[in-house]
Amino acid sequence: MGMFKDAPPSEHPDFTQLRFMAAGTPSWWKRNRHKTLGVAGLLVGFWLASHYNTAAPAASCTPAATTATATSAPVPAPQGAAAGR
């Protein structure tokens, strides 16, 4: 419909040859980049976790020998300021 009711709409002469283009299909990378980057991030995360383990080492069950036996060498006395107290 035109600007006035008595004037029918007409095509503009410069825009009669325009055609809409169909969008092309996206490439493999555009379709799958979120999956690829997600898998790469998981692999890097597992690798970092396996190489930089911050857990404390497990305590051993065997107690350390703290007393000197008659056959072992005598333990030297401490030196310095702590020896005089």
Protein backbone atom coordinates (compact mmCIF):
# COMPACT_ATOMS: atom_id res chain seq x y z
CA MET A 1 0.00 0.00 0.00
CA GLY A 2 1.31 3.40 -0.89
CA MET A 3 1.42 6.57 1.07
CA PHE A 4 -2.11 7.46 0.05
CA LYS A 5 -4.96 5.04 -0.39
CA ASP A 6 -5.53 5.98 -4.00
CA ALA A 7 -1.90 5.32 -5.07
CA PRO A 8 -1.03 1.61 -5.42
CA PRO A 9 2.41 0.47 -4.25
CA SER A 10 5.07 0.16 -6.93
CA GLU A 11 8.47 -1.47 -6.96
CA HIS A 12 11.52 0.70 -6.81
CA PRO A 13 13.37 0.45 -10.12
CA ASP A 14 16.84 0.06 -8.55
CA PHE A 15 15.87 -2.82 -6.25
CA THR A 16 13.86 -5.08 -8.55
CA GLN A 17 16.85 -7.31 -9.43
CA LEU A 18 17.92 -8.10 -5.85
CA ARG A 19 17.84 -11.73 -4.88
CA PHE A 20 18.34 -13.18 -1.44
CA MET A 21 21.31 -15.50 -1.12
CA ALA A 22 20.98 -18.71 0.80
CA ALA A 23 23.45 -18.99 3.67
CA GLY A 24 26.21 -21.49 3.04
CA THR A 25 26.69 -24.45 5.30
CA PRO A 26 29.19 -23.83 8.10
CA SER A 27 32.55 -25.54 7.97
CA TRP A 28 33.44 -28.53 10.10
CA TRP A 29 35.39 -26.31 12.51
CA LYS A 30 32.46 -23.93 13.05
CA ARG A 31 30.10 -26.84 13.70
CA ASN A 32 32.39 -28.75 16.07
CA ARG A 33 34.76 -26.24 17.68
CA HIS A 34 32.97 -26.28 21.05
CA LYS A 35 33.32 -30.07 21.20
CA THR A 36 36.95 -30.01 20.10
CA LEU A 37 37.97 -27.30 22.56
CA GLY A 38 36.03 -29.02 25.36
CA VAL A 39 37.79 -32.34 24.83
CA ALA A 40 41.18 -30.59 24.56
CA GLY A 41 40.48 -28.72 27.81
CA LEU A 42 39.57 -31.93 29.61
CA LEU A 43 42.71 -33.69 28.39
CA VAL A 44 44.93 -30.79 29.48
CA GLY A 45 43.15 -30.68 32.85
CA PHE A 46 43.70 -34.40 33.47
CA TRP A 47 47.33 -34.09 32.40
CA LEU A 48 47.91 -31.17 34.79
CA ALA A 49 46.16 -32.97 37.63
CA SER A 50 48.29 -36.07 37.14
CA HIS A 51 51.57 -34.15 36.98
CA TYR A 52 50.98 -31.60 39.73
CA ASN A 53 49.52 -33.69 42.53
CA THR A 54 49.50 -31.70 45.80
CA ALA A 55 48.21 -34.46 48.06
CA ALA A 56 50.30 -35.21 51.15
CA PRO A 57 52.36 -38.40 50.97
CA ALA A 58 50.97 -41.37 52.85
CA ALA A 59 52.40 -41.95 56.33
CA SER A 60 54.46 -45.08 56.74
CA CYS A 61 53.32 -47.74 59.19
CA THR A 62 56.78 -48.62 60.47
CA PRO A 63 57.94 -46.52 63.44
CA ALA A 64 61.37 -44.94 63.33
CA ALA A 65 64.02 -46.21 65.73
CA THR A 66 64.34 -43.62 68.50
CA THR A 67 66.31 -45.42 71.20
CA ALA A 68 69.98 -46.28 71.01
CA THR A 69 70.83 -49.90 71.62
CA ALA A 70 73.99 -51.16 73.25
CA THR A 71 75.47 -52.26 69.94
CA SER A 72 74.90 -48.98 68.09
CA ALA A 73 77.17 -45.94 68.22
CA PRO A 74 76.38 -43.32 70.88
CA VAL A 75 74.41 -40.29 69.81
CA PRO A 76 76.44 -37.05 70.19
CA ALA A 77 75.14 -34.41 72.59
CA PRO A 78 73.62 -31.26 71.15
CA GLN A 79 75.93 -28.28 70.78
CA GLY A 80 75.30 -24.59 71.15
CA ALA A 81 73.05 -22.60 73.46
CA ALA A 82 70.55 -25.40 73.93
CA ALA A 83 73.19 -27.72 75.46
CA GLY A 84 73.73 -25.53 78.52
CA ARG A 85 70.12 -25.49 79.67
